[in-house]
């Protein structure tokens, strides 16, 4: 049985549609602002594959970046098509949970 911490029960926009809201299997709710997600893109163009070093320069990501589309990748991830033209990062549910920016999770970096 999959870990409920990384099994989303609901995925959708926040009430004001300014962020992505995920309610996880353990009932924890994560709220992700678009730019925060874009800056955490895990693709090979944004993260060096061998070292894990971030290649993406935050100054190149517009403050008002937003997803044009969000696609499910199997039962394990989301793929965002961003307004800045980027669309190659596959955000696994495990990654999304690990970067939850809430105070309880402590990943606000």
C-alpha atoms as a PDB file:
ATOM      1  CA  UNK A   1       0.000   0.000   0.000  1.00  0.00           C
ATOM      2  CA  UNK A   2       1.425   3.409  -0.961  1.00  0.00           C
ATOM      3  CA  UNK A   3       2.499   5.849   1.734  1.00  0.00           C
ATOM      4  CA  UNK A   4      -0.559   8.080   2.418  1.00  0.00           C
ATOM      5  CA  UNK A   5       1.788  11.049   2.811  1.00  0.00           C
ATOM      6  CA  UNK A   6       2.520  10.935  -0.927  1.00  0.00           C
ATOM      7  CA  UNK A   7      -0.907   9.877  -2.189  1.00  0.00           C
ATOM      8  CA  UNK A   8      -2.999  12.879  -3.223  1.00  0.00           C
ATOM      9  CA  UNK A   9      -6.704  12.706  -2.458  1.00  0.00           C
ATOM     10  CA  UNK A  10      -7.538  16.040  -4.134  1.00  0.00           C
ATOM     11  CA  UNK A  11      -5.598  18.218  -6.563  1.00  0.00           C
ATOM     12  CA  UNK A  12      -6.941  21.556  -7.716  1.00  0.00           C
ATOM     13  CA  UNK A  13      -6.730  25.309  -7.469  1.00  0.00           C
ATOM     14  CA  UNK A  14      -7.136  27.213  -4.229  1.00  0.00           C
ATOM     15  CA  UNK A  15     -10.480  28.939  -3.776  1.00  0.00           C
ATOM     16  CA  UNK A  16      -9.111  32.188  -5.227  1.00  0.00           C
ATOM     17  CA  UNK A  17      -7.350  30.212  -8.015  1.00  0.00           C
ATOM     18  CA  UNK A  18      -3.978  31.799  -7.190  1.00  0.00           C
ATOM     19  CA  UNK A  19      -2.230  28.572  -6.188  1.00  0.00           C
ATOM     20  CA  UNK A  20      -2.305  24.788  -6.419  1.00  0.00           C
ATOM     21  CA  UNK A  21      -3.870  22.946  -3.495  1.00  0.00           C
ATOM     22  CA  UNK A  22      -3.184  19.286  -2.755  1.00  0.00           C
ATOM     23  CA  UNK A  23      -4.877  17.352   0.025  1.00  0.00           C
ATOM     24  CA  UNK A  24      -2.776  14.308   0.807  1.00  0.00           C
ATOM     25  CA  UNK A  25      -3.773  10.844   2.034  1.00  0.00           C
ATOM     26  CA  UNK A  26      -2.818  11.773   5.599  1.00  0.00           C
ATOM     27  CA  UNK A  27      -5.193  14.805   5.325  1.00  0.00           C
ATOM     28  CA  UNK A  28      -2.318  17.310   5.195  1.00  0.00           C
ATOM     29  CA  UNK A  29      -2.998  20.196   2.802  1.00  0.00           C
ATOM     30  CA  UNK A  30      -0.204  21.757   0.763  1.00  0.00           C
ATOM     31  CA  UNK A  31      -0.553  25.108  -1.012  1.00  0.00           C
ATOM     32  CA  UNK A  32       1.943  25.833  -3.791  1.00  0.00           C
ATOM     33  CA  UNK A  33       2.308  29.284  -5.370  1.00  0.00           C
ATOM     34  CA  UNK A  34       3.125  29.093  -9.095  1.00  0.00           C
ATOM     35  CA  UNK A  35       6.570  30.709  -8.947  1.00  0.00           C
ATOM     36  CA  UNK A  36       7.569  28.488  -6.026  1.00  0.00           C
ATOM     37  CA  UNK A  37       6.748  25.413  -8.118  1.00  0.00           C
ATOM     38  CA  UNK A  38       8.506  26.790 -11.193  1.00  0.00           C
ATOM     39  CA  UNK A  39      11.655  27.454  -9.147  1.00  0.00           C
ATOM     40  CA  UNK A  40      11.567  23.832  -7.928  1.00  0.00           C
ATOM     41  CA  UNK A  41      11.383  22.329 -11.411  1.00  0.00           C
ATOM     42  CA  UNK A  42      13.213  18.980 -11.338  1.00  0.00           C
ATOM     43  CA  UNK A  43      14.016  18.712 -15.061  1.00  0.00           C
ATOM     44  CA  UNK A  44      17.542  18.238 -16.421  1.00  0.00           C
ATOM     45  CA  UNK A  45      17.567  21.816 -17.688  1.00  0.00           C
ATOM     46  CA  UNK A  46      16.913  23.172 -14.202  1.00  0.00           C
ATOM     47  CA  UNK A  47      18.884  20.669 -12.084  1.00  0.00           C
ATOM     48  CA  UNK A  48      22.259  19.127 -12.887  1.00  0.00           C
ATOM     49  CA  UNK A  49      21.604  15.406 -13.185  1.00  0.00           C
ATOM     50  CA  UNK A  50      24.830  14.112 -11.636  1.00  0.00           C
ATOM     51  CA  UNK A  51      25.154  16.516  -8.697  1.00  0.00           C
ATOM     52  CA  UNK A  52      21.606  17.752  -8.088  1.00  0.00           C
ATOM     53  CA  UNK A  53      22.910  21.334  -8.256  1.00  0.00           C
ATOM     54  CA  UNK A  54      20.261  23.850  -9.302  1.00  0.00           C
ATOM     55  CA  UNK A  55      20.964  25.322 -12.739  1.00  0.00           C
ATOM     56  CA  UNK A  56      17.889  27.525 -12.935  1.00  0.00           C
ATOM     57  CA  UNK A  57      18.646  31.171 -12.208  1.00  0.00           C
ATOM     58  CA  UNK A  58      15.692  32.513 -10.169  1.00  0.00           C
ATOM     59  CA  UNK A  59      16.173  35.942 -11.769  1.00  0.00           C
ATOM     60  CA  UNK A  60      15.089  34.448 -15.110  1.00  0.00           C
ATOM     61  CA  UNK A  61      11.697  33.318 -13.778  1.00  0.00           C
ATOM     62  CA  UNK A  62       9.036  36.038 -13.967  1.00  0.00           C
ATOM     63  CA  UNK A  63       7.333  36.930 -10.681  1.00  0.00           C
ATOM     64  CA  UNK A  64       3.959  36.390 -12.350  1.00  0.00           C
ATOM     65  CA  UNK A  65       4.710  32.990 -13.940  1.00  0.00           C
ATOM     66  CA  UNK A  66       1.688  30.682 -13.960  1.00  0.00           C
ATOM     67  CA  UNK A  67       0.712  27.296 -15.363  1.00  0.00           C
ATOM     68  CA  UNK A  68      -1.047  27.355 -18.723  1.00  0.00           C
ATOM     69  CA  UNK A  69      -1.910  23.680 -18.245  1.00  0.00           C
ATOM     70  CA  UNK A  70      -1.371  20.922 -15.709  1.00  0.00           C
ATOM     71  CA  UNK A  71      -1.248  17.315 -16.888  1.00  0.00           C
ATOM     72  CA  UNK A  72      -1.291  14.093 -14.907  1.00  0.00           C
ATOM     73  CA  UNK A  73       1.639  11.769 -15.568  1.00  0.00           C
ATOM     74  CA  UNK A  74       0.409   8.280 -14.810  1.00  0.00           C
ATOM     75  CA  UNK A  75      -0.561   7.971 -11.160  1.00  0.00           C
ATOM     76  CA  UNK A  76       2.646   9.421  -9.817  1.00  0.00           C
ATOM     77  CA  UNK A  77       3.260  12.980 -11.024  1.00  0.00           C
ATOM     78  CA  UNK A  78       2.137  16.278 -12.533  1.00  0.00           C
ATOM     79  CA  UNK A  79       3.563  18.056 -15.576  1.00  0.00           C
ATOM     80  CA  UNK A  80       3.190  21.834 -15.792  1.00  0.00           C
ATOM     81  CA  UNK A  81       3.178  23.878 -18.967  1.00  0.00           C
ATOM     82  CA  UNK A  82       4.408  27.282 -17.739  1.00  0.00           C
ATOM     83  CA  UNK A  83       3.658  30.759 -19.067  1.00  0.00           C
ATOM     84  CA  UNK A  84       7.416  31.352 -19.493  1.00  0.00           C
ATOM     85  CA  UNK A  85       7.523  28.578 -22.117  1.00  0.00           C
ATOM     86  CA  UNK A  86       8.996  25.873 -19.876  1.00  0.00           C
ATOM     87  CA  UNK A  87       7.238  22.488 -19.946  1.00  0.00           C
ATOM     88  CA  UNK A  88       9.699  19.656 -19.268  1.00  0.00           C
ATOM     89  CA  UNK A  89       9.612  19.165 -15.499  1.00  0.00           C
ATOM     90  CA  UNK A  90       7.781  16.137 -14.151  1.00  0.00           C
ATOM     91  CA  UNK A  91       6.868  16.798 -10.512  1.00  0.00           C
ATOM     92  CA  UNK A  92       6.391  13.464  -8.776  1.00  0.00           C
ATOM     93  CA  UNK A  93       3.989  13.384  -5.868  1.00  0.00           C
ATOM     94  CA  UNK A  94       6.946  12.420  -3.701  1.00  0.00           C
ATOM     95  CA  UNK A  95       8.780  15.579  -4.806  1.00  0.00           C
ATOM     96  CA  UNK A  96       5.711  17.749  -4.303  1.00  0.00           C
ATOM     97  CA  UNK A  97       5.228  16.462  -0.778  1.00  0.00           C
ATOM     98  CA  UNK A  98       8.925  16.926   0.009  1.00  0.00           C
ATOM     99  CA  UNK A  99       8.809  20.605  -1.046  1.00  0.00           C
ATOM    100  CA  UNK A 100       5.580  21.453   0.805  1.00  0.00           C
ATOM    101  CA  UNK A 101       6.139  25.073   1.837  1.00  0.00           C
ATOM    102  CA  UNK A 102       3.995  25.026   4.976  1.00  0.00           C
ATOM    103  CA  UNK A 103       5.471  25.760   8.376  1.00  0.00           C
ATOM    104  CA  UNK A 104       4.663  22.248   9.589  1.00  0.00           C
ATOM    105  CA  UNK A 105       6.724  20.612   6.839  1.00  0.00           C
ATOM    106  CA  UNK A 106       9.517  23.163   6.992  1.00  0.00           C
ATOM    107  CA  UNK A 107      10.422  23.131   3.266  1.00  0.00           C
ATOM    108  CA  UNK A 108       9.769  26.819   2.665  1.00  0.00           C
ATOM    109  CA  UNK A 109      13.131  27.173   0.871  1.00  0.00           C
END
